Amino acid sequence: MFFRMIRGALFRQKGKMLMIAFTIALGASLATAMLNVMMDVGDKVNQELKTYGANITVVPKENSVLDELYEVDGEEIQSAYLREDELGKIKTIFWAFNIVDFSPFIDTTVTLDNGSEVKLTGTWFNHHLDLPTGETLNTGVTNLRNWWDIESGVWLDEQAAGGTQGVMVGTQLAKDAGISAGDTLTVSTRYGKKQLAVVGIYNAGGDEDDQLFSSLDIAQALSNTEGCLSSIEVSALTTPDNELARKAAKDPGSLSIAQYEQWYCTAYVSSICYQIQEVITGSIASPVRQVAESEGAIMDKTELLMILITILSLVGAALGISNLVTASVMERSNEIGLLKAIGAKDSSISGIVLTEIMSTAVIGGVAGYFLGYGFAQIIGQTVFGSAIEMKLMVIPIVAISIIVVTLAGSIPAIRMLLRLRPAEVLHGR
């Protein structure tokens, strides 16, 4: 009898039940899409942010100490260097797969044909590296600083024929010295002289526009620092800092064993810096705070926005359900009054109504989940150019949310049902 009454009510009011199912499906679809994107968006947002430069800088420990003691730029008192032959070890740390790109640097001052002195920075552009693990990697500033605008010419390519004998010139320096792509520059130091082909003119939008950039080998030869590096820039995927990460950044020794293991095995920027210091002799790795903190802030705000959209969509669904269920109860007031008149209890009638609504909610919730997963794929392809991974934990979250929303939306209708008086209803009052 119970199920016959429910089935009859569903078919008699199929229009309203379809509207309730549609309302629930919309709320469930938005919740599913936002939760799936939010749980998969971390690495994708970090990957996008990596296009704006390195977030870790590695320098010799002695130079870092001098910087702190005398508050001067380490370039002016370069007294120690990092070892070039240890660069591959960066990809052997615990969080090796989070290291997206890295590039070494060494600076020197060279003299041009016109007698002017300019800064020349040696680095990798598109460098092929054989790692200690047996893997290979192509890395360098071509990816690390891909926001540079190449106004004329091309990027220097070390793997091209004669690529190591090229140089890139900043726009301001090119303008002041009358240098164009395709020219040949003669640069000299007390350690030697080199003729370099200008392969490109770049616009970095900063002090680098007054500099020359060459391959690492050229700068090392001109500064007599073969096998040495002045710094390394690293771009890594990181987890936003929390209290534990900030405590560890000040002093890892202050952590308990459990805290240390948790910190070491989480991709905090301080944890990755610490592990880089373990493999690069005599180094200090420090985060570029403006980049690292902005990444965390952007991630937090992005997740907050998605949570708010999810909550608002569910609240909207609850309000829609409330109106529809209340209207349904008002239309069925004679039927409910008759049930009460023949002895049906309020709890039994409420159970019938709730069962009808929950049955409809199941249909709407299932349809909304698959619809929401489709929305998530559209967001992933449109914004990030990749698919969004289905997270199984979203299923129980959405299911519980739909149950809560459906029950919350049904409360006004149940309260109205409980207040109905059979005599008044059956007499048409």
Protein backbone atom coordinates (compact mmCIF):
# COMPACT_ATOMS: atom_id res chain seq x y z
CA MET A 1 0.00 0.00 0.00
CA PHE A 2 2.80 2.40 0.96
CA PHE A 3 4.60 1.96 -2.36
CA ARG A 4 1.34 2.08 -4.36
CA MET A 5 0.58 5.48 -2.83
CA ILE A 6 4.07 6.76 -3.65
CA ARG A 7 3.92 5.45 -7.21
CA GLY A 8 0.49 6.99 -7.71
CA ALA A 9 1.63 10.37 -6.37
CA LEU A 10 4.71 10.37 -8.61
CA PHE A 11 2.69 9.70 -11.74
CA ARG A 12 -0.14 12.09 -10.85
CA GLN A 13 2.30 14.95 -10.25
CA LYS A 14 4.94 13.97 -12.78
CA GLY A 15 5.28 17.58 -13.97
CA LYS A 16 6.24 18.88 -10.53
CA MET A 17 8.41 15.84 -9.81
CA LEU A 18 10.31 16.40 -13.05
CA MET A 19 10.84 20.03 -12.05
CA ILE A 20 12.15 18.92 -8.64
CA ALA A 21 14.46 16.38 -10.32
CA PHE A 22 15.65 19.08 -12.76
CA THR A 23 16.34 21.52 -9.89
CA ILE A 24 18.31 18.89 -8.00
CA ALA A 25 20.19 17.92 -11.18
CA LEU A 26 21.29 21.53 -11.72
CA GLY A 27 22.54 21.86 -8.14
CA ALA A 28 24.28 18.47 -8.27
CA SER A 29 25.90 19.25 -11.65
CA LEU A 30 27.39 22.53 -10.44
CA ALA A 31 28.58 20.94 -7.20
CA THR A 32 30.13 18.00 -9.08
CA ALA A 33 31.86 20.23 -11.62
CA MET A 34 33.27 22.62 -9.02
CA LEU A 35 34.44 19.89 -6.63
CA ASN A 36 36.13 17.86 -9.38
CA VAL A 37 37.85 20.95 -10.76
CA MET A 38 38.84 22.15 -7.28
CA MET A 39 40.44 18.81 -6.38
CA ASP A 40 42.30 18.56 -9.68
CA VAL A 41 43.06 22.21 -10.21
CA GLY A 42 46.09 22.48 -7.88
CA ASP A 43 48.73 21.06 -10.21
CA LYS A 44 47.14 22.67 -13.25
CA VAL A 45 47.13 26.16 -11.71
CA ASN A 46 50.68 25.66 -10.47
CA GLN A 47 51.70 24.53 -13.95
CA GLU A 48 50.18 27.69 -15.41
CA LEU A 49 51.97 29.83 -12.81
CA LYS A 50 55.28 28.21 -13.69
CA THR A 51 55.22 30.16 -16.96
CA TYR A 52 55.93 33.30 -14.91
CA GLY A 53 59.36 32.29 -13.71
CA ALA A 54 61.32 30.41 -11.09
CA ASN A 55 60.15 30.21 -7.49
CA ILE A 56 63.43 28.95 -5.97
CA THR A 57 66.92 30.47 -6.17
CA VAL A 58 70.06 28.53 -5.24
CA VAL A 59 73.28 30.44 -4.42
CA PRO A 60 76.58 29.58 -2.70
CA LYS A 61 76.32 29.60 1.08
CA GLU A 62 79.31 31.96 1.51
CA ASN A 63 77.83 34.58 -0.79
CA SER A 64 74.49 34.33 1.00
CA VAL A 65 76.23 34.98 4.33
CA LEU A 66 78.03 38.01 2.87
CA ASP A 67 74.78 39.36 1.52
CA GLU A 68 73.19 39.11 4.97
CA LEU A 69 76.18 40.57 6.85
CA TYR A 70 77.01 43.47 4.56
CA GLU A 71 73.72 43.95 2.73
CA VAL A 72 75.36 44.02 -0.69
CA ASP A 73 74.62 42.26 -3.93
CA GLY A 74 76.47 38.96 -4.14
CA GLU A 75 77.45 39.72 -7.76
CA GLU A 76 79.86 42.39 -6.59
CA ILE A 77 81.72 40.10 -4.17
CA GLN A 78 81.46 36.69 -5.83
CA SER A 79 83.82 34.67 -3.63
CA ALA A 80 82.34 31.17 -3.97
CA TYR A 81 80.66 29.12 -6.64
CA LEU A 82 78.39 26.15 -7.06
CA ARG A 83 79.53 23.08 -8.95
CA GLU A 84 78.16 22.55 -12.45
CA ASP A 85 78.67 18.79 -12.27
CA GLU A 86 76.10 18.57 -9.43
CA LEU A 87 73.23 20.12 -11.40
CA GLY A 88 71.70 16.77 -12.33
CA LYS A 89 71.29 15.92 -8.65
CA ILE A 90 68.39 18.38 -8.45
CA LYS A 91 66.32 15.75 -10.26
CA THR A 92 67.22 13.05 -7.71
CA ILE A 93 65.54 14.59 -4.65
CA PHE A 94 62.35 13.18 -3.12
CA TRP A 95 60.24 15.72 -5.04
CA ALA A 96 62.14 15.31 -8.34
CA PHE A 97 58.94 15.09 -10.38
CA ASN A 98 57.84 18.46 -9.00
CA ILE A 99 60.91 20.15 -10.50
CA VAL A 100 59.52 21.54 -13.75
CA ASP A 101 62.56 23.45 -15.05
CA PHE A 102 65.87 24.73 -13.79
CA SER A 103 68.78 26.66 -15.25
CA PRO A 104 72.27 27.64 -14.03
CA PHE A 105 73.72 31.14 -14.32
CA ILE A 106 77.12 32.77 -14.20
CA ASP A 107 77.73 36.50 -14.65
CA THR A 108 80.70 38.44 -15.89
CA THR A 109 81.44 41.90 -17.27
CA VAL A 110 82.63 42.13 -20.88
CA THR A 111 83.88 44.96 -23.04
CA LEU A 112 82.32 45.61 -26.46
CA ASP A 113 84.08 46.97 -29.56
CA ASN A 114 82.96 50.51 -28.69
CA GLY A 115 84.70 50.26 -25.31
CA SER A 116 81.52 50.07 -23.23
CA GLU A 117 81.25 47.52 -20.46
CA VAL A 118 78.11 45.41 -20.18
CA LYS A 119 76.98 42.47 -18.12
CA LEU A 120 77.03 39.08 -19.83
CA THR A 121 75.08 36.21 -18.28
CA GLY A 122 75.82 32.65 -19.25
CA THR A 123 73.03 30.11 -18.91
CA TRP A 124 71.30 27.16 -20.52
CA PHE A 125 68.69 27.81 -23.17
CA ASN A 126 67.60 24.45 -24.56
CA HIS A 127 70.13 22.21 -22.87
CA HIS A 128 70.15 18.43 -23.08
CA LEU A 129 71.09 16.90 -19.75
CA ASP A 130 71.83 13.27 -18.89
CA LEU A 131 70.64 12.65 -15.32
CA PRO A 132 72.29 10.38 -12.73
CA THR A 133 69.10 8.28 -12.80
CA GLY A 134 69.70 7.38 -16.46
CA GLU A 135 66.93 9.69 -17.67
CA THR A 136 67.42 12.64 -20.00
CA LEU A 137 66.04 16.17 -19.76
CA ASN A 138 65.88 19.31 -21.89
CA THR A 139 65.78 22.41 -19.72
CA GLY A 140 66.81 26.06 -19.66
CA VAL A 141 65.57 29.64 -19.82
CA THR A 142 63.65 29.06 -23.06
CA ASN A 143 60.96 27.50 -20.85
CA LEU A 144 61.89 29.20 -17.58
CA ARG A 145 61.44 32.70 -19.01
CA ASN A 146 59.07 32.12 -21.85
CA TRP A 147 57.39 35.49 -21.25
CA TRP A 148 60.37 37.19 -22.93
CA ASP A 149 59.30 38.85 -26.16
CA ILE A 150 61.68 38.06 -29.02
CA GLU A 151 61.47 41.29 -31.04
CA SER A 152 63.76 40.07 -33.81
CA GLY A 153 65.63 36.87 -34.50
CA VAL A 154 65.08 33.68 -32.51
CA TRP A 155 65.89 32.05 -29.19
CA LEU A 156 69.46 30.82 -28.85
CA ASP A 157 69.48 27.03 -29.30
CA GLU A 158 72.53 25.21 -27.94
CA GLN A 159 71.56 22.01 -29.75
CA ALA A 160 71.59 23.72 -33.16
CA ALA A 161 74.79 23.86 -35.22
CA GLY A 162 76.98 26.65 -33.84
CA GLY A 163 74.35 27.48 -31.22
CA THR A 164 76.86 27.77 -28.40
CA GLN A 165 78.62 30.62 -30.25
CA GLY A 166 75.52 32.81 -30.29
CA VAL A 167 74.36 35.62 -28.03
CA MET A 168 71.05 37.30 -27.24
CA VAL A 169 70.89 41.05 -26.68
CA GLY A 170 68.42 43.02 -24.55
CA THR A 171 66.30 45.61 -26.34
CA GLN A 172 67.71 48.59 -24.43
CA LEU A 173 71.31 47.57 -25.05
CA ALA A 174 70.58 46.84 -28.71
CA LYS A 175 69.04 50.29 -29.10
CA ASP A 176 71.90 52.10 -27.34
CA ALA A 177 74.68 50.21 -29.17
CA GLY A 178 72.92 49.92 -32.54
CA ILE A 179 72.93 46.12 -32.50
CA SER A 180 70.63 44.05 -34.73
CA ALA A 181 69.88 40.36 -35.09
CA GLY A 182 72.42 38.81 -37.44
CA ASP A 183 75.29 41.10 -36.37
CA THR A 184 78.55 39.77 -34.96
CA LEU A 185 79.69 41.06 -31.57
CA THR A 186 83.25 40.98 -30.29
CA VAL A 187 83.33 40.74 -26.50
CA SER A 188 86.47 40.59 -24.40
CA THR A 189 87.72 40.22 -20.84
CA ARG A 190 91.18 39.84 -19.41
CA TYR A 191 90.79 36.10 -19.91
CA GLY A 192 90.10 36.22 -23.63
CA LYS A 193 88.04 37.45 -26.56
CA LYS A 194 85.06 35.93 -28.36
CA GLN A 195 83.18 36.70 -31.54
CA LEU A 196 79.51 35.92 -31.06
CA ALA A 197 76.63 35.95 -33.55
CA VAL A 198 73.57 37.92 -32.41
CA VAL A 199 70.74 35.39 -32.83
CA GLY A 200 67.96 37.42 -31.21
CA ILE A 201 66.87 40.66 -29.56
CA TYR A 202 64.68 40.06 -26.50
CA ASN A 203 62.47 42.26 -24.36
CA ALA A 204 62.35 41.05 -20.75
CA GLY A 205 60.73 44.18 -19.34
CA GLY A 206 63.41 44.75 -16.66
CA ASP A 207 67.10 45.20 -15.94
CA GLU A 208 67.89 42.25 -18.20
CA ASP A 209 67.17 44.47 -21.21
CA ASP A 210 70.61 46.06 -20.68
CA GLN A 211 72.45 42.70 -20.72
CA LEU A 212 73.80 40.00 -22.99
CA PHE A 213 72.83 36.35 -22.60
CA SER A 214 75.08 33.62 -23.96
CA SER A 215 75.57 29.91 -23.47
CA LEU A 216 77.02 28.86 -20.12
CA ASP A 217 80.33 27.69 -21.69
CA ILE A 218 81.02 31.10 -23.26
CA ALA A 219 80.49 33.02 -20.00
CA GLN A 220 82.61 30.53 -18.06
CA ALA A 221 85.47 30.84 -20.54
CA LEU A 222 85.35 34.66 -20.46
CA SER A 223 85.37 34.69 -16.65
CA ASN A 224 87.81 31.82 -16.15
CA THR A 225 85.23 29.88 -14.12
CA GLU A 226 84.93 26.60 -16.01
CA GLY A 227 82.68 24.18 -14.14
CA CYS A 228 81.44 26.92 -11.77
CA LEU A 229 78.06 28.57 -11.28
CA SER A 230 77.02 31.72 -9.48
CA SER A 231 73.36 30.69 -9.06
CA ILE A 232 70.63 28.28 -10.12
CA GLU A 233 66.99 29.15 -10.69
CA VAL A 234 64.45 26.38 -10.14
CA SER A 235 60.77 26.22 -11.08
CA ALA A 236 58.90 23.69 -8.92
CA LEU A 237 55.31 22.69 -8.31
CA THR A 238 54.63 23.43 -4.66
CA THR A 239 51.93 23.14 -2.02
CA PRO A 240 50.78 26.40 -0.35
CA ASP A 241 52.49 27.01 2.99
CA ASN A 242 50.74 26.39 6.29
CA GLU A 243 51.84 26.79 9.92
CA LEU A 244 54.00 23.64 9.77
CA ALA A 245 55.79 24.83 6.62
CA ARG A 246 56.46 28.26 8.11
CA LYS A 247 57.82 26.70 11.30
CA ALA A 248 60.09 24.37 9.31
CA ALA A 249 61.32 27.23 7.13
CA LYS A 250 62.67 28.97 10.25
CA ASP A 251 64.29 25.89 11.79
CA PRO A 252 63.73 22.29 10.62
CA GLY A 253 65.45 21.12 13.81
CA SER A 254 62.55 22.46 15.89
CA LEU A 255 60.17 19.88 14.42
CA SER A 256 59.25 16.63 16.09
CA ILE A 257 59.97 13.39 14.20
CA ALA A 258 56.35 13.12 13.05
CA GLN A 259 56.23 16.78 11.99
CA TYR A 260 59.55 16.46 10.17
CA GLU A 261 58.34 13.43 8.20
CA GLN A 262 55.10 15.18 7.30
CA TRP A 263 56.93 18.34 6.22
CA TYR A 264 59.69 16.48 4.31
CA CYS A 265 57.12 14.38 2.43
CA THR A 266 54.93 17.33 1.43
CA ALA A 267 55.82 19.56 -1.52
CA TYR A 268 56.16 22.77 0.48
CA VAL A 269 58.58 25.23 -1.11
CA SER A 270 60.69 25.13 2.08
CA SER A 271 60.84 21.32 1.92
CA ILE A 272 62.00 21.35 -1.70
CA CYS A 273 64.60 24.03 -0.86
CA TYR A 274 65.89 21.91 2.01
CA GLN A 275 66.23 18.84 -0.21
CA ILE A 276 68.07 20.84 -2.90
CA GLN A 277 70.54 21.99 -0.26
CA GLU A 278 71.13 18.36 0.65
CA VAL A 279 72.33 17.47 -2.87
CA ILE A 280 74.08 20.71 -3.97
CA THR A 281 77.32 21.19 -2.02
CA GLY A 282 77.72 24.47 -0.14
CA SER A 283 74.41 25.89 -1.29
CA ILE A 284 71.56 27.91 0.13
CA ALA A 285 68.20 27.42 -1.60
CA SER A 286 65.59 30.03 -0.85
CA PRO A 287 62.11 30.65 -2.24
CA VAL A 288 61.34 33.69 -4.34
CA ARG A 289 58.72 34.84 -1.85
CA GLN A 290 56.74 37.06 -4.23
CA VAL A 291 56.21 34.10 -6.57
CA ALA A 292 55.78 31.38 -3.93
CA GLU A 293 53.35 33.38 -1.80
CA SER A 294 51.33 34.58 -4.80
CA GLU A 295 50.94 30.95 -5.92
CA GLY A 296 49.54 30.00 -2.52
CA ALA A 297 47.27 33.05 -2.44
CA ILE A 298 45.93 32.38 -5.94
CA MET A 299 45.29 28.73 -5.08
CA ASP A 300 43.48 29.62 -1.85
CA LYS A 301 41.31 32.22 -3.60
CA THR A 302 40.55 29.88 -6.49
CA GLU A 303 39.45 27.12 -4.12
CA LEU A 304 37.40 29.58 -2.03
CA LEU A 305 35.64 30.81 -5.17
CA MET A 306 34.75 27.26 -6.20
CA ILE A 307 33.51 26.40 -2.71
CA LEU A 308 31.30 29.51 -2.70
CA ILE A 309 29.87 28.61 -6.13
CA THR A 310 29.14 25.09 -4.87
CA ILE A 311 27.42 26.36 -1.71
CA LEU A 312 25.37 28.95 -3.60
CA SER A 313 24.27 26.37 -6.18
CA LEU A 314 23.10 24.03 -3.41
CA VAL A 315 21.32 26.86 -1.57
CA GLY A 316 19.57 27.79 -4.83
CA ALA A 317 18.53 24.17 -5.31
CA ALA A 318 17.18 24.04 -1.74
CA LEU A 319 15.06 27.15 -2.32
CA GLY A 320 13.72 25.76 -5.59
CA ILE A 321 12.88 22.43 -3.95
CA SER A 322 11.16 24.23 -1.07
CA ASN A 323 8.84 26.13 -3.42
CA LEU A 324 8.03 23.09 -5.54
CA VAL A 325 7.38 20.73 -2.61
CA THR A 326 5.26 23.34 -0.83
CA ALA A 327 3.16 23.82 -3.98
CA SER A 328 2.79 20.03 -4.25
CA VAL A 329 1.58 19.74 -0.66
CA MET A 330 -0.91 22.58 -1.18
CA GLU A 331 -2.35 20.84 -4.26
CA ARG A 332 -2.68 17.59 -2.32
CA SER A 333 -4.16 19.17 0.80
CA ASN A 334 -7.52 17.38 0.33
CA GLU A 335 -5.75 14.02 -0.03
CA ILE A 336 -3.61 14.70 3.05
CA GLY A 337 -6.66 15.88 5.03
CA LEU A 338 -8.52 12.68 4.13
CA LEU A 339 -5.56 10.56 5.24
CA LYS A 340 -5.53 12.35 8.57
CA ALA A 341 -9.29 11.99 8.94
CA ILE A 342 -9.14 8.19 8.58
CA GLY A 343 -6.41 7.94 11.20
CA ALA A 344 -3.09 8.33 9.39
CA LYS A 345 -0.42 9.75 11.67
CA ASP A 346 1.61 12.85 10.84
CA SER A 347 4.82 10.78 10.83
CA SER A 348 3.39 8.34 8.25
CA ILE A 349 2.19 11.13 5.95
CA SER A 350 5.52 12.97 6.30
CA GLY A 351 7.31 9.71 5.49
CA ILE A 352 5.27 9.31 2.29
CA VAL A 353 6.02 12.85 1.13
CA LEU A 354 9.73 12.58 1.99
CA THR A 355 10.02 9.21 0.24
CA GLU A 356 8.48 10.72 -2.90
CA ILE A 357 10.89 13.66 -2.79
CA MET A 358 13.96 11.51 -2.02
CA SER A 359 13.11 9.12 -4.87
CA THR A 360 12.98 12.09 -7.20
CA ALA A 361 16.22 13.44 -5.68
CA VAL A 362 18.05 10.18 -6.45
CA ILE A 363 17.11 10.42 -10.12
CA GLY A 364 18.05 14.11 -10.27
CA GLY A 365 21.28 13.56 -8.33
CA VAL A 366 22.51 10.75 -10.60
CA ALA A 367 21.70 12.74 -13.73
CA GLY A 368 23.31 15.86 -12.21
CA TYR A 369 26.52 14.00 -11.31
CA PHE A 370 27.17 12.85 -14.88
CA LEU A 371 26.12 16.24 -16.23
CA GLY A 372 28.50 17.94 -13.79
CA TYR A 373 31.37 15.69 -14.78
CA GLY A 374 30.79 16.79 -18.37
CA PHE A 375 30.85 20.44 -17.24
CA ALA A 376 34.15 19.77 -15.45
CA GLN A 377 35.69 18.45 -18.69
CA ILE A 378 34.54 21.55 -20.56
CA ILE A 379 36.14 23.77 -17.88
CA GLY A 380 39.35 21.71 -17.96
CA GLN A 381 39.71 21.83 -21.74
CA THR A 382 38.72 25.50 -22.00
CA VAL A 383 40.83 26.88 -19.14
CA PHE A 384 43.71 24.42 -18.76
CA GLY A 385 43.74 22.57 -22.09
CA SER A 386 43.55 19.18 -20.37
CA ALA A 387 40.98 16.78 -18.95
CA ILE A 388 39.81 16.87 -15.33
CA GLU A 389 40.37 13.63 -13.45
CA MET A 390 37.27 12.06 -11.89
CA LYS A 391 37.65 12.07 -8.10
CA LEU A 392 35.79 9.20 -6.42
CA MET A 393 35.48 11.09 -3.15
CA VAL A 394 33.26 13.63 -4.93
CA ILE A 395 30.50 10.99 -5.20
CA PRO A 396 29.77 10.67 -1.44
CA ILE A 397 30.20 14.42 -0.96
CA VAL A 398 27.63 15.20 -3.65
CA ALA A 399 25.32 12.44 -2.39
CA ILE A 400 25.36 13.78 1.18
CA SER A 401 24.93 17.35 -0.08
CA ILE A 402 21.89 16.36 -2.15
CA ILE A 403 20.30 14.58 0.82
CA VAL A 404 20.88 17.58 3.08
CA VAL A 405 19.60 20.03 0.45
CA THR A 406 16.49 17.93 -0.26
CA LEU A 407 15.65 17.58 3.43
CA ALA A 408 16.28 21.28 4.05
CA GLY A 409 14.08 22.23 1.10
CA SER A 410 11.30 19.94 2.32
CA ILE A 411 11.12 21.42 5.83
CA PRO A 412 8.65 24.27 5.01
CA ALA A 413 6.34 21.81 3.21
CA ILE A 414 6.47 19.32 6.11
CA ARG A 415 5.67 22.08 8.59
CA MET A 416 2.66 23.07 6.47
CA LEU A 417 1.58 19.42 6.27
CA LEU A 418 1.73 19.08 10.06
CA ARG A 419 -0.44 22.19 10.53
CA LEU A 420 -3.21 20.95 8.19
CA ARG A 421 -6.51 20.28 10.01
CA PRO A 422 -8.68 17.62 8.30
CA ALA A 423 -11.99 19.31 9.11
CA GLU A 424 -10.92 22.68 7.66
CA VAL A 425 -9.35 21.16 4.57
CA LEU A 426 -12.21 18.83 3.74
CA HIS A 427 -14.72 21.70 4.12
CA GLY A 428 -12.69 23.73 1.65
CA ARG A 429 -11.41 26.35 4.11
